[in-house]
């Protein structure tokens, strides 16, 4: 949630007004003085390479519905990032993975509902059965030389180093 979406105090329900606080304009409660600080949205993604083929999922949700991306999604507030990437990969592909290392941290939202931080992990498939689920309608391994149309620049950026 951004500052543009918050109009009332989460403590007392009074209206908020933009005031300079801590180096920028922030929503501040006119009644109790509470200040809204938006937290960044964090997403995780798995880079699963197998025999020079990369695991991708086809998105069923907007934005970029029908295009392909790495398996991943939003991390819950109390969730370990490695647990989150394992969960997301399993939900979208049916595969269990072993995470070996963090390979990139990408900043900047690709779209208004996107993440502020993307944590990309190198992983290998260790079990399960390849089957699309959750917000993917297809899950497949693609040769690095023959990728489908990708949904996000971050996916292309991560895969560029694998060629």
C-alpha atoms as a PDB file:
ATOM      1  CA  UNK A   1       0.000   0.000   0.000  1.00  0.00           C
ATOM      2  CA  UNK A   2       1.381   3.410  -0.923  1.00  0.00           C
ATOM      3  CA  UNK A   3       0.797   6.765   0.730  1.00  0.00           C
ATOM      4  CA  UNK A   4      -1.670   7.603  -2.072  1.00  0.00           C
ATOM      5  CA  UNK A   5      -4.027   4.845  -0.856  1.00  0.00           C
ATOM      6  CA  UNK A   6      -4.129   5.797   2.829  1.00  0.00           C
ATOM      7  CA  UNK A   7      -6.599   8.523   3.800  1.00  0.00           C
ATOM      8  CA  UNK A   8      -7.579   7.709   7.389  1.00  0.00           C
ATOM      9  CA  UNK A   9      -5.626   6.927  10.552  1.00  0.00           C
ATOM     10  CA  UNK A  10      -5.285   3.236  11.320  1.00  0.00           C
ATOM     11  CA  UNK A  11      -5.360   4.030  15.061  1.00  0.00           C
ATOM     12  CA  UNK A  12      -8.223   6.494  15.532  1.00  0.00           C
ATOM     13  CA  UNK A  13      -9.921   6.765  12.108  1.00  0.00           C
ATOM     14  CA  UNK A  14      -9.338  10.508  11.694  1.00  0.00           C
ATOM     15  CA  UNK A  15      -8.344  11.996   8.337  1.00  0.00           C
ATOM     16  CA  UNK A  16      -4.684  12.126   7.342  1.00  0.00           C
ATOM     17  CA  UNK A  17      -2.906  15.164   5.929  1.00  0.00           C
ATOM     18  CA  UNK A  18       0.403  15.254   4.066  1.00  0.00           C
ATOM     19  CA  UNK A  19       3.091  16.908   6.203  1.00  0.00           C
ATOM     20  CA  UNK A  20       6.872  17.042   5.935  1.00  0.00           C
ATOM     21  CA  UNK A  21       8.257  14.379   8.270  1.00  0.00           C
ATOM     22  CA  UNK A  22      11.579  12.540   8.234  1.00  0.00           C
ATOM     23  CA  UNK A  23      12.784  13.990   4.954  1.00  0.00           C
ATOM     24  CA  UNK A  24       9.632  13.710   2.846  1.00  0.00           C
ATOM     25  CA  UNK A  25       5.906  14.337   2.835  1.00  0.00           C
ATOM     26  CA  UNK A  26       4.060  11.625   4.732  1.00  0.00           C
ATOM     27  CA  UNK A  27       0.417  11.063   5.746  1.00  0.00           C
ATOM     28  CA  UNK A  28      -0.002  12.251   9.343  1.00  0.00           C
ATOM     29  CA  UNK A  29      -3.129  11.952  11.489  1.00  0.00           C
ATOM     30  CA  UNK A  30      -4.633  15.374  12.209  1.00  0.00           C
ATOM     31  CA  UNK A  31      -6.051  14.058  15.532  1.00  0.00           C
ATOM     32  CA  UNK A  32      -3.446  11.805  17.211  1.00  0.00           C
ATOM     33  CA  UNK A  33      -0.272  12.525  15.193  1.00  0.00           C
ATOM     34  CA  UNK A  34       0.239   8.945  13.945  1.00  0.00           C
ATOM     35  CA  UNK A  35       2.494   8.836  10.854  1.00  0.00           C
ATOM     36  CA  UNK A  36       2.010   6.350   8.025  1.00  0.00           C
ATOM     37  CA  UNK A  37       5.257   4.739   6.816  1.00  0.00           C
ATOM     38  CA  UNK A  38       4.666   2.425   3.835  1.00  0.00           C
ATOM     39  CA  UNK A  39       6.609  -0.833   4.009  1.00  0.00           C
ATOM     40  CA  UNK A  40       8.197  -2.223   0.853  1.00  0.00           C
ATOM     41  CA  UNK A  41       6.571  -5.188  -0.852  1.00  0.00           C
ATOM     42  CA  UNK A  42       9.029  -8.084  -1.114  1.00  0.00           C
ATOM     43  CA  UNK A  43       8.816 -10.888  -3.657  1.00  0.00           C
ATOM     44  CA  UNK A  44      10.953 -13.978  -4.175  1.00  0.00           C
ATOM     45  CA  UNK A  45      11.701 -15.953  -7.318  1.00  0.00           C
ATOM     46  CA  UNK A  46      13.406 -19.247  -8.131  1.00  0.00           C
ATOM     47  CA  UNK A  47      15.916 -19.651 -10.946  1.00  0.00           C
ATOM     48  CA  UNK A  48      15.757 -23.406 -11.580  1.00  0.00           C
ATOM     49  CA  UNK A  49      18.129 -24.510 -14.324  1.00  0.00           C
ATOM     50  CA  UNK A  50      18.175 -28.139 -15.456  1.00  0.00           C
ATOM     51  CA  UNK A  51      20.208 -29.391 -18.434  1.00  0.00           C
ATOM     52  CA  UNK A  52      20.486 -25.849 -19.894  1.00  0.00           C
ATOM     53  CA  UNK A  53      16.719 -25.433 -19.571  1.00  0.00           C
ATOM     54  CA  UNK A  54      15.002 -22.911 -17.311  1.00  0.00           C
ATOM     55  CA  UNK A  55      11.782 -23.456 -15.369  1.00  0.00           C
ATOM     56  CA  UNK A  56       9.093 -20.888 -16.270  1.00  0.00           C
ATOM     57  CA  UNK A  57       5.406 -20.458 -15.502  1.00  0.00           C
ATOM     58  CA  UNK A  58       2.702 -18.823 -17.610  1.00  0.00           C
ATOM     59  CA  UNK A  59       0.779 -16.161 -15.707  1.00  0.00           C
ATOM     60  CA  UNK A  60      -3.007 -16.365 -15.381  1.00  0.00           C
ATOM     61  CA  UNK A  61      -3.364 -13.008 -13.613  1.00  0.00           C
ATOM     62  CA  UNK A  62      -2.959  -9.433 -14.772  1.00  0.00           C
ATOM     63  CA  UNK A  63      -0.675  -7.731 -15.337  1.00  0.00           C
ATOM     64  CA  UNK A  64       0.964  -9.496 -18.241  1.00  0.00           C
ATOM     65  CA  UNK A  65      -1.472 -12.376 -18.235  1.00  0.00           C
ATOM     66  CA  UNK A  66      -0.443 -15.153 -20.632  1.00  0.00           C
ATOM     67  CA  UNK A  67       3.247 -14.263 -20.568  1.00  0.00           C
ATOM     68  CA  UNK A  68       6.000 -16.265 -18.914  1.00  0.00           C
ATOM     69  CA  UNK A  69       8.020 -15.620 -15.770  1.00  0.00           C
ATOM     70  CA  UNK A  70      10.116 -17.395 -13.202  1.00  0.00           C
ATOM     71  CA  UNK A  71       8.130 -19.089 -10.431  1.00  0.00           C
ATOM     72  CA  UNK A  72       7.741 -16.821  -7.441  1.00  0.00           C
ATOM     73  CA  UNK A  73       5.546 -14.382  -5.608  1.00  0.00           C
ATOM     74  CA  UNK A  74       5.104 -12.227  -2.551  1.00  0.00           C
ATOM     75  CA  UNK A  75       6.694 -13.072   0.751  1.00  0.00           C
ATOM     76  CA  UNK A  76       4.531 -12.956   3.884  1.00  0.00           C
ATOM     77  CA  UNK A  77       5.596 -10.505   6.624  1.00  0.00           C
ATOM     78  CA  UNK A  78       6.682 -13.238   9.042  1.00  0.00           C
ATOM     79  CA  UNK A  79       8.110 -15.635   6.435  1.00  0.00           C
ATOM     80  CA  UNK A  80      11.730 -16.619   5.877  1.00  0.00           C
ATOM     81  CA  UNK A  81      12.719 -15.717   2.281  1.00  0.00           C
ATOM     82  CA  UNK A  82      14.050 -19.196   1.479  1.00  0.00           C
ATOM     83  CA  UNK A  83      10.872 -20.796   2.830  1.00  0.00           C
ATOM     84  CA  UNK A  84       8.871 -18.318   0.736  1.00  0.00           C
ATOM     85  CA  UNK A  85      10.651 -19.186  -2.509  1.00  0.00           C
ATOM     86  CA  UNK A  86      10.228 -22.917  -1.835  1.00  0.00           C
ATOM     87  CA  UNK A  87       6.514 -22.384  -1.111  1.00  0.00           C
ATOM     88  CA  UNK A  88       5.924 -20.230  -4.190  1.00  0.00           C
ATOM     89  CA  UNK A  89       7.764 -22.616  -6.498  1.00  0.00           C
ATOM     90  CA  UNK A  90       5.801 -25.597  -5.193  1.00  0.00           C
ATOM     91  CA  UNK A  91       2.453 -23.767  -5.451  1.00  0.00           C
ATOM     92  CA  UNK A  92       3.091 -22.727  -9.065  1.00  0.00           C
ATOM     93  CA  UNK A  93       4.990 -25.750 -10.438  1.00  0.00           C
ATOM     94  CA  UNK A  94       4.390 -28.755  -8.161  1.00  0.00           C
ATOM     95  CA  UNK A  95       8.170 -29.104  -7.751  1.00  0.00           C
ATOM     96  CA  UNK A  96      10.089 -29.117  -4.491  1.00  0.00           C
ATOM     97  CA  UNK A  97      13.378 -27.283  -4.706  1.00  0.00           C
ATOM     98  CA  UNK A  98      16.663 -27.016  -2.877  1.00  0.00           C
ATOM     99  CA  UNK A  99      17.808 -23.414  -2.673  1.00  0.00           C
ATOM    100  CA  UNK A 100      21.549 -22.995  -3.051  1.00  0.00           C
ATOM    101  CA  UNK A 101      22.142 -19.244  -2.909  1.00  0.00           C
ATOM    102  CA  UNK A 102      20.827 -15.727  -3.309  1.00  0.00           C
ATOM    103  CA  UNK A 103      21.855 -14.571  -6.793  1.00  0.00           C
ATOM    104  CA  UNK A 104      20.303 -11.109  -7.074  1.00  0.00           C
ATOM    105  CA  UNK A 105      18.312  -8.400  -5.349  1.00  0.00           C
ATOM    106  CA  UNK A 106      16.376  -6.322  -7.879  1.00  0.00           C
ATOM    107  CA  UNK A 107      14.728  -3.048  -6.910  1.00  0.00           C
ATOM    108  CA  UNK A 108      11.961  -1.030  -8.524  1.00  0.00           C
ATOM    109  CA  UNK A 109       8.340  -1.858  -9.241  1.00  0.00           C
ATOM    110  CA  UNK A 110       7.612  -3.352 -12.664  1.00  0.00           C
ATOM    111  CA  UNK A 111       3.943  -2.337 -12.285  1.00  0.00           C
ATOM    112  CA  UNK A 112       1.776  -0.612  -9.621  1.00  0.00           C
ATOM    113  CA  UNK A 113       0.886  -3.882  -7.853  1.00  0.00           C
ATOM    114  CA  UNK A 114       4.434  -5.252  -8.065  1.00  0.00           C
ATOM    115  CA  UNK A 115       7.218  -5.685  -5.566  1.00  0.00           C
ATOM    116  CA  UNK A 116       9.711  -3.067  -4.447  1.00  0.00           C
ATOM    117  CA  UNK A 117      12.349  -5.743  -3.810  1.00  0.00           C
ATOM    118  CA  UNK A 118      12.765  -9.016  -5.695  1.00  0.00           C
ATOM    119  CA  UNK A 119      15.002 -11.642  -4.084  1.00  0.00           C
ATOM    120  CA  UNK A 120      16.166 -14.151  -6.707  1.00  0.00           C
ATOM    121  CA  UNK A 121      17.473 -17.533  -5.589  1.00  0.00           C
ATOM    122  CA  UNK A 122      19.330 -20.207  -7.523  1.00  0.00           C
ATOM    123  CA  UNK A 123      17.664 -23.557  -6.905  1.00  0.00           C
ATOM    124  CA  UNK A 124      17.436 -27.104  -8.184  1.00  0.00           C
ATOM    125  CA  UNK A 125      14.394 -29.343  -8.489  1.00  0.00           C
ATOM    126  CA  UNK A 126      14.663 -32.269  -6.064  1.00  0.00           C
ATOM    127  CA  UNK A 127      11.170 -33.748  -6.142  1.00  0.00           C
ATOM    128  CA  UNK A 128       7.518 -33.349  -6.896  1.00  0.00           C
ATOM    129  CA  UNK A 129       5.740 -33.550 -10.219  1.00  0.00           C
ATOM    130  CA  UNK A 130       5.758 -30.709 -12.754  1.00  0.00           C
ATOM    131  CA  UNK A 131       2.206 -29.376 -12.756  1.00  0.00           C
ATOM    132  CA  UNK A 132       0.993 -25.776 -12.970  1.00  0.00           C
ATOM    133  CA  UNK A 133      -1.008 -24.420 -10.067  1.00  0.00           C
ATOM    134  CA  UNK A 134      -1.961 -21.342  -8.067  1.00  0.00           C
ATOM    135  CA  UNK A 135      -1.604 -18.351 -10.409  1.00  0.00           C
ATOM    136  CA  UNK A 136       0.031 -20.280 -13.263  1.00  0.00           C
ATOM    137  CA  UNK A 137      -1.771 -22.262 -15.962  1.00  0.00           C
ATOM    138  CA  UNK A 138       1.394 -23.805 -17.418  1.00  0.00           C
ATOM    139  CA  UNK A 139       4.795 -24.721 -16.004  1.00  0.00           C
ATOM    140  CA  UNK A 140       7.553 -25.883 -18.332  1.00  0.00           C
ATOM    141  CA  UNK A 141      11.306 -26.093 -18.792  1.00  0.00           C
ATOM    142  CA  UNK A 142      12.516 -24.096 -21.808  1.00  0.00           C
ATOM    143  CA  UNK A 143      15.908 -24.165 -23.543  1.00  0.00           C
ATOM    144  CA  UNK A 144      17.754 -20.947 -22.779  1.00  0.00           C
ATOM    145  CA  UNK A 145      18.093 -20.397 -26.535  1.00  0.00           C
ATOM    146  CA  UNK A 146      14.324 -20.668 -27.175  1.00  0.00           C
ATOM    147  CA  UNK A 147      12.485 -18.693 -24.508  1.00  0.00           C
ATOM    148  CA  UNK A 148       8.805 -17.722 -24.824  1.00  0.00           C
ATOM    149  CA  UNK A 149       7.680 -14.098 -24.433  1.00  0.00           C
ATOM    150  CA  UNK A 150       8.656 -13.013 -20.924  1.00  0.00           C
ATOM    151  CA  UNK A 151       6.365 -11.032 -18.637  1.00  0.00           C
ATOM    152  CA  UNK A 152       8.941  -8.965 -16.775  1.00  0.00           C
ATOM    153  CA  UNK A 153      12.233  -7.236 -17.486  1.00  0.00           C
ATOM    154  CA  UNK A 154      13.552  -8.678 -14.201  1.00  0.00           C
ATOM    155  CA  UNK A 155      13.120 -12.199 -15.618  1.00  0.00           C
ATOM    156  CA  UNK A 156      15.050 -11.277 -18.755  1.00  0.00           C
ATOM    157  CA  UNK A 157      17.718  -9.613 -16.614  1.00  0.00           C
ATOM    158  CA  UNK A 158      18.160 -12.704 -14.439  1.00  0.00           C
ATOM    159  CA  UNK A 159      18.253 -15.086 -17.405  1.00  0.00           C
ATOM    160  CA  UNK A 160      20.720 -12.944 -19.392  1.00  0.00           C
ATOM    161  CA  UNK A 161      23.556 -14.122 -17.142  1.00  0.00           C
ATOM    162  CA  UNK A 162      22.772 -17.790 -17.847  1.00  0.00           C
ATOM    163  CA  UNK A 163      23.337 -17.793 -21.634  1.00  0.00           C
END
